[in-house]
Amino acid sequence: MQNNYIPNIDLSEIISKDLNSDAAKQIAKSIKEASEDIGFFTVTNHGIPISKINNLLKTCKKFFYLPEEDKLKIAPKKWNPNTNTVYRGYFPSSVNGKEGLDIGDPLLKQDMADLLKKEKFEVNHDMTFLDPSWQATINNYFDDLHNLGMIIFKTIISSFSSNLSIADQAFQRPKTLSTLRFNYYPKQDKPVEVSSQDGVALGCETHVDSGIMTILYQDKKGGLQVQNRRSLEWHDVPHDPNAFVINTGLALEYLTNGRMKATNHRVLFNQEERISIPFFFEPSYDFVLDPKYLDINENLIYNIDNYEDFLTNSLKKFVEYDRPV
């Protein structure tokens, strides 16, 4: 397992600055190369203070340290027949060895009837029973991560096209399907999976992500690994408390007609508790993953779907999304 494979990119020259500067163009080049060659990179000087991240980690731990019966009160129908949600809320470790809490866009409200008719659009559970400041903490962090995703996505677009307004067209809140997830890996007695490739015990199965990108924060070094697509070797993702881990998803692969590919990653099995907080940056349900938006006009290698249909098909491979409706 090799180190120093995952590049770090300093975003200070594009945070709240002009994407047309020479420095921004160099950052765009670095992001493009990392996205095409590896599918993973870390970012520092991303504009989100560590104090906000630490506050979110405290909020996350406070939830997962609740008794199981309290957490199940906000679980979807599969685990709690008394709730109306199918996708938003808590799922227990019996699913795949880790507990999770899926949080949708806080801007989605009960009076938005047209959106709520659509699959996967569900108002988040009321968490004031846990913490009166919960909603403010989540709203703030969700806004920060969405804004960071927009900056990185516009930087990626700039490598292909001058039409950066595509990002605003693709990500119209609360029409997006972006999800903030809390993952809690308790002390595990046995691995979730043993890799058929190299016999390594895993705490999270080998997979690629579905969205445009994932913006991940890890509380400590937790065994996250990325696979080299050519050699099939596995590489450790370095842990930096001041960095986010970014990986390109399957939707970006479709949108760039295969130039930026989603990359296999996994988490090694260990017996220490671990928290990770991924933000799945996903576009509006009706955005069409058409490479022509990025001025990519050669023959298409994928069928073009709107994101809602694409996501429905993509999630079928994830055990935690096996939910009865």
C-alpha atoms as a PDB file:
ATOM      1  CA  MET A   1       0.000   0.000   0.000  1.00  0.00           C
ATOM      2  CA  GLN A   2       1.779   3.113  -1.230  1.00  0.00           C
ATOM      3  CA  ASN A   3       1.738   6.639   0.162  1.00  0.00           C
ATOM      4  CA  ASN A   4       2.098   9.987  -1.627  1.00  0.00           C
ATOM      5  CA  TYR A   5      -0.131   8.820  -4.466  1.00  0.00           C
ATOM      6  CA  ILE A   6      -2.956  11.244  -3.680  1.00  0.00           C
ATOM      7  CA  PRO A   7      -2.084  14.862  -4.605  1.00  0.00           C
ATOM      8  CA  ASN A   8      -2.922  17.776  -2.340  1.00  0.00           C
ATOM      9  CA  ILE A   9      -4.234  20.940  -3.967  1.00  0.00           C
ATOM     10  CA  ASP A  10      -4.171  24.318  -2.232  1.00  0.00           C
ATOM     11  CA  LEU A  11      -7.423  26.144  -3.070  1.00  0.00           C
ATOM     12  CA  SER A  12      -6.525  29.514  -1.557  1.00  0.00           C
ATOM     13  CA  GLU A  13      -6.265  31.211  -4.979  1.00  0.00           C
ATOM     14  CA  ILE A  14      -9.794  30.256  -6.041  1.00  0.00           C
ATOM     15  CA  ILE A  15     -11.760  30.619  -2.810  1.00  0.00           C
ATOM     16  CA  SER A  16     -13.838  33.792  -3.281  1.00  0.00           C
ATOM     17  CA  LYS A  17     -11.531  34.850  -6.122  1.00  0.00           C
ATOM     18  CA  ASP A  18     -11.586  35.105  -9.891  1.00  0.00           C
ATOM     19  CA  LEU A  19     -11.326  31.768 -11.710  1.00  0.00           C
ATOM     20  CA  ASN A  20      -9.665  33.520 -14.660  1.00  0.00           C
ATOM     21  CA  SER A  21      -6.382  34.361 -12.933  1.00  0.00           C
ATOM     22  CA  ASP A  22      -3.179  32.543 -13.853  1.00  0.00           C
ATOM     23  CA  ALA A  23      -3.074  30.982 -10.388  1.00  0.00           C
ATOM     24  CA  ALA A  24      -6.664  29.737 -10.765  1.00  0.00           C
ATOM     25  CA  LYS A  25      -5.855  28.251 -14.150  1.00  0.00           C
ATOM     26  CA  GLN A  26      -2.970  26.322 -12.598  1.00  0.00           C
ATOM     27  CA  ILE A  27      -5.294  24.992  -9.887  1.00  0.00           C
ATOM     28  CA  ALA A  28      -7.805  24.006 -12.579  1.00  0.00           C
ATOM     29  CA  LYS A  29      -5.040  22.137 -14.400  1.00  0.00           C
ATOM     30  CA  SER A  30      -4.063  20.288 -11.200  1.00  0.00           C
ATOM     31  CA  ILE A  31      -7.673  19.331 -10.448  1.00  0.00           C
ATOM     32  CA  LYS A  32      -8.204  18.159 -14.027  1.00  0.00           C
ATOM     33  CA  GLU A  33      -5.063  16.003 -13.958  1.00  0.00           C
ATOM     34  CA  ALA A  34      -5.915  14.507 -10.561  1.00  0.00           C
ATOM     35  CA  SER A  35      -9.500  13.817 -11.641  1.00  0.00           C
ATOM     36  CA  GLU A  36      -8.476  12.186 -14.900  1.00  0.00           C
ATOM     37  CA  ASP A  37      -5.469  10.202 -13.663  1.00  0.00           C
ATOM     38  CA  ILE A  38      -6.454   9.209 -10.125  1.00  0.00           C
ATOM     39  CA  GLY A  39     -10.007  10.266  -9.339  1.00  0.00           C
ATOM     40  CA  PHE A  40      -8.953  11.416  -5.852  1.00  0.00           C
ATOM     41  CA  PHE A  41      -7.194  14.434  -4.380  1.00  0.00           C
ATOM     42  CA  THR A  42      -7.170  16.342  -1.111  1.00  0.00           C
ATOM     43  CA  VAL A  43      -7.768  20.073  -0.739  1.00  0.00           C
ATOM     44  CA  THR A  44      -6.450  22.509   1.850  1.00  0.00           C
ATOM     45  CA  ASN A  45      -7.139  26.216   2.379  1.00  0.00           C
ATOM     46  CA  HIS A  46     -10.687  25.443   1.339  1.00  0.00           C
ATOM     47  CA  GLY A  47     -12.275  28.280   3.305  1.00  0.00           C
ATOM     48  CA  ILE A  48     -14.095  26.227   5.959  1.00  0.00           C
ATOM     49  CA  PRO A  49     -12.684  26.858   9.462  1.00  0.00           C
ATOM     50  CA  ILE A  50     -11.639  23.840  11.500  1.00  0.00           C
ATOM     51  CA  SER A  51     -13.864  25.169  14.300  1.00  0.00           C
ATOM     52  CA  LYS A  52     -16.949  24.506  12.136  1.00  0.00           C
ATOM     53  CA  ILE A  53     -15.724  21.031  11.303  1.00  0.00           C
ATOM     54  CA  ASN A  54     -15.041  20.233  14.951  1.00  0.00           C
ATOM     55  CA  ASN A  55     -18.507  21.471  15.880  1.00  0.00           C
ATOM     56  CA  LEU A  56     -20.020  19.161  13.298  1.00  0.00           C
ATOM     57  CA  LEU A  57     -17.978  16.223  14.602  1.00  0.00           C
ATOM     58  CA  LYS A  58     -19.329  16.879  18.109  1.00  0.00           C
ATOM     59  CA  THR A  59     -22.869  16.967  16.713  1.00  0.00           C
ATOM     60  CA  CYS A  60     -22.228  13.727  14.861  1.00  0.00           C
ATOM     61  CA  LYS A  61     -20.839  11.913  17.897  1.00  0.00           C
ATOM     62  CA  LYS A  62     -23.664  13.173  20.079  1.00  0.00           C
ATOM     63  CA  PHE A  63     -26.122  11.486  17.759  1.00  0.00           C
ATOM     64  CA  PHE A  64     -24.330   8.159  17.412  1.00  0.00           C
ATOM     65  CA  TYR A  65     -23.758   7.859  21.150  1.00  0.00           C
ATOM     66  CA  LEU A  66     -27.530   7.858  21.730  1.00  0.00           C
ATOM     67  CA  PRO A  67     -29.210   4.574  22.715  1.00  0.00           C
ATOM     68  CA  GLU A  68     -30.176   2.497  19.675  1.00  0.00           C
ATOM     69  CA  GLU A  69     -33.886   2.850  20.406  1.00  0.00           C
ATOM     70  CA  ASP A  70     -33.607   6.643  20.220  1.00  0.00           C
ATOM     71  CA  LYS A  71     -31.742   6.565  16.918  1.00  0.00           C
ATOM     72  CA  LEU A  72     -34.291   4.191  15.420  1.00  0.00           C
ATOM     73  CA  LYS A  73     -37.020   6.771  16.057  1.00  0.00           C
ATOM     74  CA  ILE A  74     -35.712   8.655  13.024  1.00  0.00           C
ATOM     75  CA  ALA A  75     -34.944   5.594  10.908  1.00  0.00           C
ATOM     76  CA  PRO A  76     -36.737   5.123   7.564  1.00  0.00           C
ATOM     77  CA  LYS A  77     -39.595   2.679   7.094  1.00  0.00           C
ATOM     78  CA  LYS A  78     -37.314  -0.310   6.658  1.00  0.00           C
ATOM     79  CA  TRP A  79     -36.357  -0.139  10.347  1.00  0.00           C
ATOM     80  CA  ASN A  80     -39.196   1.931  11.782  1.00  0.00           C
ATOM     81  CA  PRO A  81     -42.723   1.432  10.410  1.00  0.00           C
ATOM     82  CA  ASN A  82     -43.913   4.542  12.265  1.00  0.00           C
ATOM     83  CA  THR A  83     -41.985   6.984  10.052  1.00  0.00           C
ATOM     84  CA  ASN A  84     -42.797   8.164   6.548  1.00  0.00           C
ATOM     85  CA  THR A  85     -39.284   8.502   5.139  1.00  0.00           C
ATOM     86  CA  VAL A  86     -37.619   5.928   2.923  1.00  0.00           C
ATOM     87  CA  TYR A  87     -34.213   7.523   2.338  1.00  0.00           C
ATOM     88  CA  ARG A  88     -33.586  10.240   4.935  1.00  0.00           C
ATOM     89  CA  GLY A  89     -32.661   9.344   8.482  1.00  0.00           C
ATOM     90  CA  TYR A  90     -30.722   6.733  10.422  1.00  0.00           C
ATOM     91  CA  PHE A  91     -29.659   3.270   9.329  1.00  0.00           C
ATOM     92  CA  PRO A  92     -28.196   0.744  11.805  1.00  0.00           C
ATOM     93  CA  SER A  93     -24.897  -1.122  11.633  1.00  0.00           C
ATOM     94  CA  SER A  94     -26.699  -4.350  10.756  1.00  0.00           C
ATOM     95  CA  VAL A  95     -26.907  -3.020   7.181  1.00  0.00           C
ATOM     96  CA  ASN A  96     -23.203  -3.124   6.320  1.00  0.00           C
ATOM     97  CA  GLY A  97     -21.171  -2.844   9.495  1.00  0.00           C
ATOM     98  CA  LYS A  98     -21.482   0.909   9.939  1.00  0.00           C
ATOM     99  CA  GLU A  99     -24.205   3.183  11.255  1.00  0.00           C
ATOM    100  CA  GLY A 100     -25.286   6.140   9.166  1.00  0.00           C
ATOM    101  CA  LEU A 101     -27.460   9.219   9.141  1.00  0.00           C
ATOM    102  CA  ASP A 102     -28.519  10.636   5.763  1.00  0.00           C
ATOM    103  CA  ILE A 103     -29.440  14.326   5.679  1.00  0.00           C
ATOM    104  CA  GLY A 104     -30.942  16.024   2.642  1.00  0.00           C
ATOM    105  CA  ASP A 105     -31.020  19.690   1.715  1.00  0.00           C
ATOM    106  CA  PRO A 106     -32.306  21.682   4.728  1.00  0.00           C
ATOM    107  CA  LEU A 107     -33.942  24.130   2.292  1.00  0.00           C
ATOM    108  CA  LEU A 108     -36.523  21.477   1.401  1.00  0.00           C
ATOM    109  CA  LYS A 109     -39.710  22.261   3.348  1.00  0.00           C
ATOM    110  CA  GLN A 110     -43.072  20.593   3.913  1.00  0.00           C
ATOM    111  CA  ASP A 111     -44.920  23.106   1.719  1.00  0.00           C
ATOM    112  CA  MET A 112     -42.878  22.197  -1.398  1.00  0.00           C
ATOM    113  CA  ALA A 113     -45.476  19.705  -2.607  1.00  0.00           C
ATOM    114  CA  ASP A 114     -44.200  19.309  -6.186  1.00  0.00           C
ATOM    115  CA  LEU A 115     -40.725  18.291  -5.033  1.00  0.00           C
ATOM    116  CA  LEU A 116     -41.980  16.057  -2.259  1.00  0.00           C
ATOM    117  CA  LYS A 117     -43.988  14.037  -4.785  1.00  0.00           C
ATOM    118  CA  LYS A 118     -40.712  12.920  -6.328  1.00  0.00           C
ATOM    119  CA  GLU A 119     -38.759   9.912  -5.114  1.00  0.00           C
ATOM    120  CA  LYS A 120     -35.890  10.620  -2.699  1.00  0.00           C
ATOM    121  CA  PHE A 121     -37.123  14.116  -1.805  1.00  0.00           C
ATOM    122  CA  GLU A 122     -37.936  13.977   1.908  1.00  0.00           C
ATOM    123  CA  VAL A 123     -37.850  16.645   4.580  1.00  0.00           C
ATOM    124  CA  ASN A 124     -35.230  15.903   7.211  1.00  0.00           C
ATOM    125  CA  HIS A 125     -36.275  14.624  10.624  1.00  0.00           C
ATOM    126  CA  ASP A 126     -36.654  17.131  13.424  1.00  0.00           C
ATOM    127  CA  MET A 127     -33.551  16.759  15.578  1.00  0.00           C
ATOM    128  CA  THR A 128     -34.216  19.459  18.147  1.00  0.00           C
ATOM    129  CA  PHE A 129     -34.852  16.690  20.699  1.00  0.00           C
ATOM    130  CA  LEU A 130     -31.131  16.010  20.529  1.00  0.00           C
ATOM    131  CA  ASP A 131     -29.729  19.499  20.263  1.00  0.00           C
ATOM    132  CA  PRO A 132     -31.528  22.857  19.923  1.00  0.00           C
ATOM    133  CA  SER A 133     -28.703  24.122  17.707  1.00  0.00           C
ATOM    134  CA  TRP A 134     -28.763  21.018  15.452  1.00  0.00           C
ATOM    135  CA  GLN A 135     -30.513  22.694  12.538  1.00  0.00           C
ATOM    136  CA  ALA A 136     -28.273  25.751  12.530  1.00  0.00           C
ATOM    137  CA  THR A 137     -25.171  23.530  12.618  1.00  0.00           C
ATOM    138  CA  ILE A 138     -26.418  21.352   9.747  1.00  0.00           C
ATOM    139  CA  ASN A 139     -27.664  24.294   7.643  1.00  0.00           C
ATOM    140  CA  ASN A 140     -24.366  26.081   8.011  1.00  0.00           C
ATOM    141  CA  TYR A 141     -22.223  23.079   7.124  1.00  0.00           C
ATOM    142  CA  PHE A 142     -24.481  22.011   4.248  1.00  0.00           C
ATOM    143  CA  ASP A 143     -24.243  25.548   2.792  1.00  0.00           C
ATOM    144  CA  ASP A 144     -20.445  25.562   3.178  1.00  0.00           C
ATOM    145  CA  LEU A 145     -19.995  22.189   1.479  1.00  0.00           C
ATOM    146  CA  HIS A 146     -22.412  23.056  -1.320  1.00  0.00           C
ATOM    147  CA  ASN A 147     -20.490  26.283  -1.971  1.00  0.00           C
ATOM    148  CA  LEU A 148     -17.168  24.437  -1.946  1.00  0.00           C
ATOM    149  CA  GLY A 149     -18.568  21.866  -4.366  1.00  0.00           C
ATOM    150  CA  MET A 150     -19.692  24.667  -6.673  1.00  0.00           C
ATOM    151  CA  ILE A 151     -16.236  26.244  -6.664  1.00  0.00           C
ATOM    152  CA  ILE A 152     -14.530  22.939  -7.476  1.00  0.00           C
ATOM    153  CA  PHE A 153     -17.147  22.038 -10.096  1.00  0.00           C
ATOM    154  CA  LYS A 154     -16.778  25.426 -11.820  1.00  0.00           C
ATOM    155  CA  THR A 155     -13.024  24.915 -11.781  1.00  0.00           C
ATOM    156  CA  ILE A 156     -13.510  21.538 -13.486  1.00  0.00           C
ATOM    157  CA  ILE A 157     -15.882  23.084 -16.050  1.00  0.00           C
ATOM    158  CA  SER A 158     -13.302  25.787 -16.819  1.00  0.00           C
ATOM    159  CA  SER A 159     -10.947  23.072 -18.124  1.00  0.00           C
ATOM    160  CA  PHE A 160     -13.476  22.264 -20.866  1.00  0.00           C
ATOM    161  CA  SER A 161     -15.671  25.311 -21.430  1.00  0.00           C
ATOM    162  CA  SER A 162     -15.961  29.006 -20.627  1.00  0.00           C
ATOM    163  CA  ASN A 163     -19.653  28.562 -19.782  1.00  0.00           C
ATOM    164  CA  LEU A 164     -19.402  28.321 -15.997  1.00  0.00           C
ATOM    165  CA  SER A 165     -23.122  29.052 -15.659  1.00  0.00           C
ATOM    166  CA  ILE A 166     -23.686  25.334 -16.312  1.00  0.00           C
ATOM    167  CA  ALA A 167     -22.858  24.815 -12.625  1.00  0.00           C
ATOM    168  CA  ASP A 168     -25.731  27.080 -11.574  1.00  0.00           C
ATOM    169  CA  GLN A 169     -28.049  25.288 -13.978  1.00  0.00           C
ATOM    170  CA  ALA A 170     -26.985  21.871 -12.671  1.00  0.00           C
ATOM    171  CA  PHE A 171     -27.208  22.700  -8.957  1.00  0.00           C
ATOM    172  CA  GLN A 172     -30.470  24.465  -8.130  1.00  0.00           C
ATOM    173  CA  ARG A 173     -31.325  24.103  -4.458  1.00  0.00           C
ATOM    174  CA  PRO A 174     -33.447  22.484  -3.156  1.00  0.00           C
ATOM    175  CA  LYS A 175     -33.867  20.546  -6.429  1.00  0.00           C
ATOM    176  CA  THR A 176     -30.505  18.864  -5.967  1.00  0.00           C
ATOM    177  CA  LEU A 177     -30.197  15.378  -4.522  1.00  0.00           C
ATOM    178  CA  SER A 178     -27.084  16.222  -2.508  1.00  0.00           C
ATOM    179  CA  THR A 179     -26.762  14.287   0.732  1.00  0.00           C
ATOM    180  CA  LEU A 180     -24.758  14.965   3.867  1.00  0.00           C
ATOM    181  CA  ARG A 181     -24.020  11.675   5.585  1.00  0.00           C
ATOM    182  CA  PHE A 182     -22.676  10.884   9.030  1.00  0.00           C
ATOM    183  CA  ASN A 183     -20.897   7.511   9.056  1.00  0.00           C
ATOM    184  CA  TYR A 184     -20.016   5.853  12.331  1.00  0.00           C
ATOM    185  CA  TYR A 185     -17.813   2.753  12.283  1.00  0.00           C
ATOM    186  CA  PRO A 186     -18.152   1.139  15.713  1.00  0.00           C
ATOM    187  CA  LYS A 187     -15.551  -1.253  17.055  1.00  0.00           C
ATOM    188  CA  GLN A 188     -16.114  -4.195  14.736  1.00  0.00           C
ATOM    189  CA  ASP A 189     -15.597  -7.861  15.558  1.00  0.00           C
ATOM    190  CA  LYS A 190     -15.494  -9.064  11.972  1.00  0.00           C
ATOM    191  CA  PRO A 191     -14.975  -7.432   8.578  1.00  0.00           C
ATOM    192  CA  VAL A 192     -17.833  -6.454   6.291  1.00  0.00           C
ATOM    193  CA  GLU A 193     -16.059  -8.056   3.361  1.00  0.00           C
ATOM    194  CA  VAL A 194     -12.813  -9.847   2.543  1.00  0.00           C
ATOM    195  CA  SER A 195     -11.418  -8.553  -0.716  1.00  0.00           C
ATOM    196  CA  SER A 196     -11.460 -11.184  -3.460  1.00  0.00           C
ATOM    197  CA  GLN A 197      -8.550  -9.350  -5.069  1.00  0.00           C
ATOM    198  CA  ASP A 198      -5.987  -9.426  -2.271  1.00  0.00           C
ATOM    199  CA  GLY A 199      -7.650 -11.098   0.724  1.00  0.00           C
ATOM    200  CA  VAL A 200      -7.636  -7.902   2.791  1.00  0.00           C
ATOM    201  CA  ALA A 201     -10.320  -7.514   5.477  1.00  0.00           C
ATOM    202  CA  LEU A 202     -12.537  -4.499   4.841  1.00  0.00           C
ATOM    203  CA  GLY A 203     -14.703  -2.252   7.006  1.00  0.00           C
ATOM    204  CA  CYS A 204     -16.370  -0.728   3.937  1.00  0.00           C
ATOM    205  CA  GLU A 205     -16.773  -2.586   0.665  1.00  0.00           C
ATOM    206  CA  THR A 206     -15.037  -1.663  -2.584  1.00  0.00           C
ATOM    207  CA  HIS A 207     -17.192   0.794  -4.539  1.00  0.00           C
ATOM    208  CA  VAL A 208     -17.396   3.969  -6.591  1.00  0.00           C
ATOM    209  CA  ASP A 209     -19.624   6.929  -5.718  1.00  0.00           C
ATOM    210  CA  SER A 210     -22.599   7.967  -7.813  1.00  0.00           C
ATOM    211  CA  GLY A 211     -22.579  11.767  -7.796  1.00  0.00           C
ATOM    212  CA  ILE A 212     -20.549  14.508  -9.415  1.00  0.00           C
ATOM    213  CA  MET A 213     -18.070  14.399  -6.540  1.00  0.00           C
ATOM    214  CA  THR A 214     -17.812  13.490  -2.867  1.00  0.00           C
ATOM    215  CA  ILE A 215     -16.315  15.892  -0.344  1.00  0.00           C
ATOM    216  CA  LEU A 216     -15.183  13.833   2.642  1.00  0.00           C
ATOM    217  CA  TYR A 217     -13.969  14.688   6.101  1.00  0.00           C
ATOM    218  CA  GLN A 218     -12.345  11.963   8.236  1.00  0.00           C
ATOM    219  CA  ASP A 219     -11.889  12.370  11.978  1.00  0.00           C
ATOM    220  CA  LYS A 220      -8.655  10.408  11.931  1.00  0.00           C
ATOM    221  CA  LYS A 221      -6.664   8.029   9.771  1.00  0.00           C
ATOM    222  CA  GLY A 222      -9.143   5.294   9.133  1.00  0.00           C
ATOM    223  CA  GLY A 223      -7.816   3.067   6.387  1.00  0.00           C
ATOM    224  CA  LEU A 224      -9.380   4.746   3.331  1.00  0.00           C
ATOM    225  CA  GLN A 225      -7.691   3.406   0.196  1.00  0.00           C
ATOM    226  CA  VAL A 226      -7.891   4.205  -3.513  1.00  0.00           C
ATOM    227  CA  GLN A 227      -7.203   1.803  -6.352  1.00  0.00           C
ATOM    228  CA  ASN A 228      -4.881   2.682  -9.213  1.00  0.00           C
ATOM    229  CA  ARG A 229      -6.998   1.978 -12.287  1.00  0.00           C
ATOM    230  CA  ARG A 230      -4.023   0.766 -14.310  1.00  0.00           C
ATOM    231  CA  SER A 231      -1.897  -1.257 -11.893  1.00  0.00           C
ATOM    232  CA  LEU A 232      -4.828  -2.180  -9.568  1.00  0.00           C
ATOM    233  CA  GLU A 233      -2.580  -1.385  -6.588  1.00  0.00           C
ATOM    234  CA  TRP A 234      -4.197   0.114  -3.489  1.00  0.00           C
ATOM    235  CA  HIS A 235      -2.958   3.413  -2.045  1.00  0.00           C
ATOM    236  CA  ASP A 236      -3.609   4.937   1.372  1.00  0.00           C
ATOM    237  CA  VAL A 237      -5.373   8.292   1.444  1.00  0.00           C
ATOM    238  CA  PRO A 238      -3.338  10.517   3.782  1.00  0.00           C
ATOM    239  CA  HIS A 239      -5.112  11.971   6.787  1.00  0.00           C
ATOM    240  CA  ASP A 240      -4.881  15.717   7.392  1.00  0.00           C
ATOM    241  CA  PRO A 241      -7.282  17.307   9.900  1.00  0.00           C
ATOM    242  CA  ASN A 242      -7.226  20.494   7.822  1.00  0.00           C
ATOM    243  CA  ALA A 243      -8.044  18.810   4.515  1.00  0.00           C
ATOM    244  CA  PHE A 244     -11.039  17.434   2.687  1.00  0.00           C
ATOM    245  CA  VAL A 245     -10.751  14.362   0.490  1.00  0.00           C
ATOM    246  CA  ILE A 246     -12.360  14.846  -2.930  1.00  0.00           C
ATOM    247  CA  ASN A 247     -13.251  12.022  -5.267  1.00  0.00           C
ATOM    248  CA  THR A 248     -14.935  12.180  -8.639  1.00  0.00           C
ATOM    249  CA  GLY A 249     -18.128  10.198  -9.052  1.00  0.00           C
ATOM    250  CA  LEU A 250     -19.911   8.268 -11.752  1.00  0.00           C
ATOM    251  CA  ALA A 251     -22.100  11.220 -12.772  1.00  0.00           C
ATOM    252  CA  LEU A 252     -18.982  13.266 -13.560  1.00  0.00           C
ATOM    253  CA  GLU A 253     -17.668  10.338 -15.592  1.00  0.00           C
ATOM    254  CA  TYR A 254     -20.851  10.442 -17.676  1.00  0.00           C
ATOM    255  CA  LEU A 255     -20.802  14.241 -17.944  1.00  0.00           C
ATOM    256  CA  THR A 256     -17.184  14.265 -19.180  1.00  0.00           C
ATOM    257  CA  ASN A 257     -17.785  11.308 -21.525  1.00  0.00           C
ATOM    258  CA  GLY A 258     -15.342   9.119 -19.626  1.00  0.00           C
ATOM    259  CA  ARG A 259     -12.498  11.600 -19.234  1.00  0.00           C
ATOM    260  CA  MET A 260     -12.872  11.797 -15.440  1.00  0.00           C
ATOM    261  CA  LYS A 261     -13.632   8.321 -14.191  1.00  0.00           C
ATOM    262  CA  ALA A 262     -15.117   7.232 -10.897  1.00  0.00           C
ATOM    263  CA  THR A 263     -12.481   5.314  -8.965  1.00  0.00           C
ATOM    264  CA  ASN A 264     -12.726   2.245  -6.737  1.00  0.00           C
ATOM    265  CA  HIS A 265     -12.112   2.911  -3.060  1.00  0.00           C
ATOM    266  CA  ARG A 266     -12.522   0.980   0.177  1.00  0.00           C
ATOM    267  CA  VAL A 267     -11.920   1.195   3.917  1.00  0.00           C
ATOM    268  CA  LEU A 268      -9.700  -1.311   5.682  1.00  0.00           C
ATOM    269  CA  PHE A 269     -11.087  -3.222   8.650  1.00  0.00           C
ATOM    270  CA  ASN A 270      -9.902  -2.033  12.012  1.00  0.00           C
ATOM    271  CA  GLN A 271     -11.233  -2.356  15.531  1.00  0.00           C
ATOM    272  CA  GLU A 272     -11.142   1.326  16.417  1.00  0.00           C
ATOM    273  CA  GLU A 273     -14.243   3.473  16.174  1.00  0.00           C
ATOM    274  CA  ARG A 274     -14.137   5.907  13.294  1.00  0.00           C
ATOM    275  CA  ILE A 275     -16.285   8.750  11.983  1.00  0.00           C
ATOM    276  CA  SER A 276     -16.377   9.989   8.429  1.00  0.00           C
ATOM    277  CA  ILE A 277     -18.603  12.718   7.022  1.00  0.00           C
ATOM    278  CA  PRO A 278     -19.061  12.552   3.255  1.00  0.00           C
ATOM    279  CA  PHE A 279     -21.021  15.165   1.344  1.00  0.00           C
ATOM    280  CA  PHE A 280     -22.369  13.622  -1.836  1.00  0.00           C
ATOM    281  CA  PHE A 281     -22.497  16.592  -4.228  1.00  0.00           C
ATOM    282  CA  GLU A 282     -25.318  15.666  -6.563  1.00  0.00           C
ATOM    283  CA  PRO A 283     -27.123  17.818  -9.153  1.00  0.00           C
ATOM    284  CA  SER A 284     -30.767  18.693  -9.644  1.00  0.00           C
ATOM    285  CA  TYR A 285     -32.984  15.707 -10.365  1.00  0.00           C
ATOM    286  CA  ASP A 286     -33.799  17.006 -13.878  1.00  0.00           C
ATOM    287  CA  PHE A 287     -30.247  17.925 -14.936  1.00  0.00           C
ATOM    288  CA  VAL A 288     -29.265  15.894 -17.975  1.00  0.00           C
ATOM    289  CA  LEU A 289     -25.737  14.429 -17.888  1.00  0.00           C
ATOM    290  CA  ASP A 290     -24.958  15.595 -21.408  1.00  0.00           C
ATOM    291  CA  PRO A 291     -21.252  16.162 -22.238  1.00  0.00           C
ATOM    292  CA  LYS A 292     -22.243  18.836 -24.759  1.00  0.00           C
ATOM    293  CA  TYR A 293     -22.703  21.164 -21.801  1.00  0.00           C
ATOM    294  CA  LEU A 294     -18.908  21.016 -21.438  1.00  0.00           C
ATOM    295  CA  ASP A 295     -18.318  21.437 -25.190  1.00  0.00           C
ATOM    296  CA  ILE A 296     -17.504  17.724 -25.486  1.00  0.00           C
ATOM    297  CA  ASN A 297     -18.974  16.812 -28.860  1.00  0.00           C
ATOM    298  CA  GLU A 298     -17.447  13.466 -29.887  1.00  0.00           C
ATOM    299  CA  ASN A 299     -19.441  10.233 -30.015  1.00  0.00           C
ATOM    300  CA  LEU A 300     -20.985   9.494 -26.647  1.00  0.00           C
ATOM    301  CA  ILE A 301     -19.914   6.344 -24.793  1.00  0.00           C
ATOM    302  CA  TYR A 302     -22.809   6.392 -22.282  1.00  0.00           C
ATOM    303  CA  ASN A 303     -26.550   6.722 -22.582  1.00  0.00           C
ATOM    304  CA  ILE A 304     -27.666  10.172 -21.450  1.00  0.00           C
ATOM    305  CA  ASP A 305     -30.013  10.193 -18.456  1.00  0.00           C
ATOM    306  CA  ASN A 306     -31.376  12.916 -16.278  1.00  0.00           C
ATOM    307  CA  TYR A 307     -29.833  12.669 -12.845  1.00  0.00           C
ATOM    308  CA  GLU A 308     -32.923  11.268 -11.139  1.00  0.00           C
ATOM    309  CA  ASP A 309     -33.043   8.226 -13.440  1.00  0.00           C
ATOM    310  CA  PHE A 310     -29.278   7.847 -13.368  1.00  0.00           C
ATOM    311  CA  LEU A 311     -29.195   7.843  -9.555  1.00  0.00           C
ATOM    312  CA  THR A 312     -32.034   5.340  -9.244  1.00  0.00           C
ATOM    313  CA  ASN A 313     -30.063   2.873 -11.358  1.00  0.00           C
ATOM    314  CA  SER A 314     -26.743   3.637  -9.690  1.00  0.00           C
ATOM    315  CA  LEU A 315     -27.968   3.122  -6.112  1.00  0.00           C
ATOM    316  CA  LYS A 316     -29.166  -0.409  -6.804  1.00  0.00           C
ATOM    317  CA  LYS A 317     -25.667  -1.707  -6.046  1.00  0.00           C
ATOM    318  CA  PHE A 318     -25.562  -0.210  -2.527  1.00  0.00           C
ATOM    319  CA  VAL A 319     -26.998  -2.440   0.196  1.00  0.00           C
ATOM    320  CA  GLU A 320     -27.882   0.512   2.434  1.00  0.00           C
ATOM    321  CA  TYR A 321     -30.237   1.814  -0.272  1.00  0.00           C
ATOM    322  CA  ASP A 322     -32.227  -1.392  -0.485  1.00  0.00           C
ATOM    323  CA  ARG A 323     -35.353   0.210   0.871  1.00  0.00           C
ATOM    324  CA  PRO A 324     -38.978  -0.877   0.509  1.00  0.00           C
ATOM    325  CA  VAL A 325     -41.274   1.925  -0.591  1.00  0.00           C
END
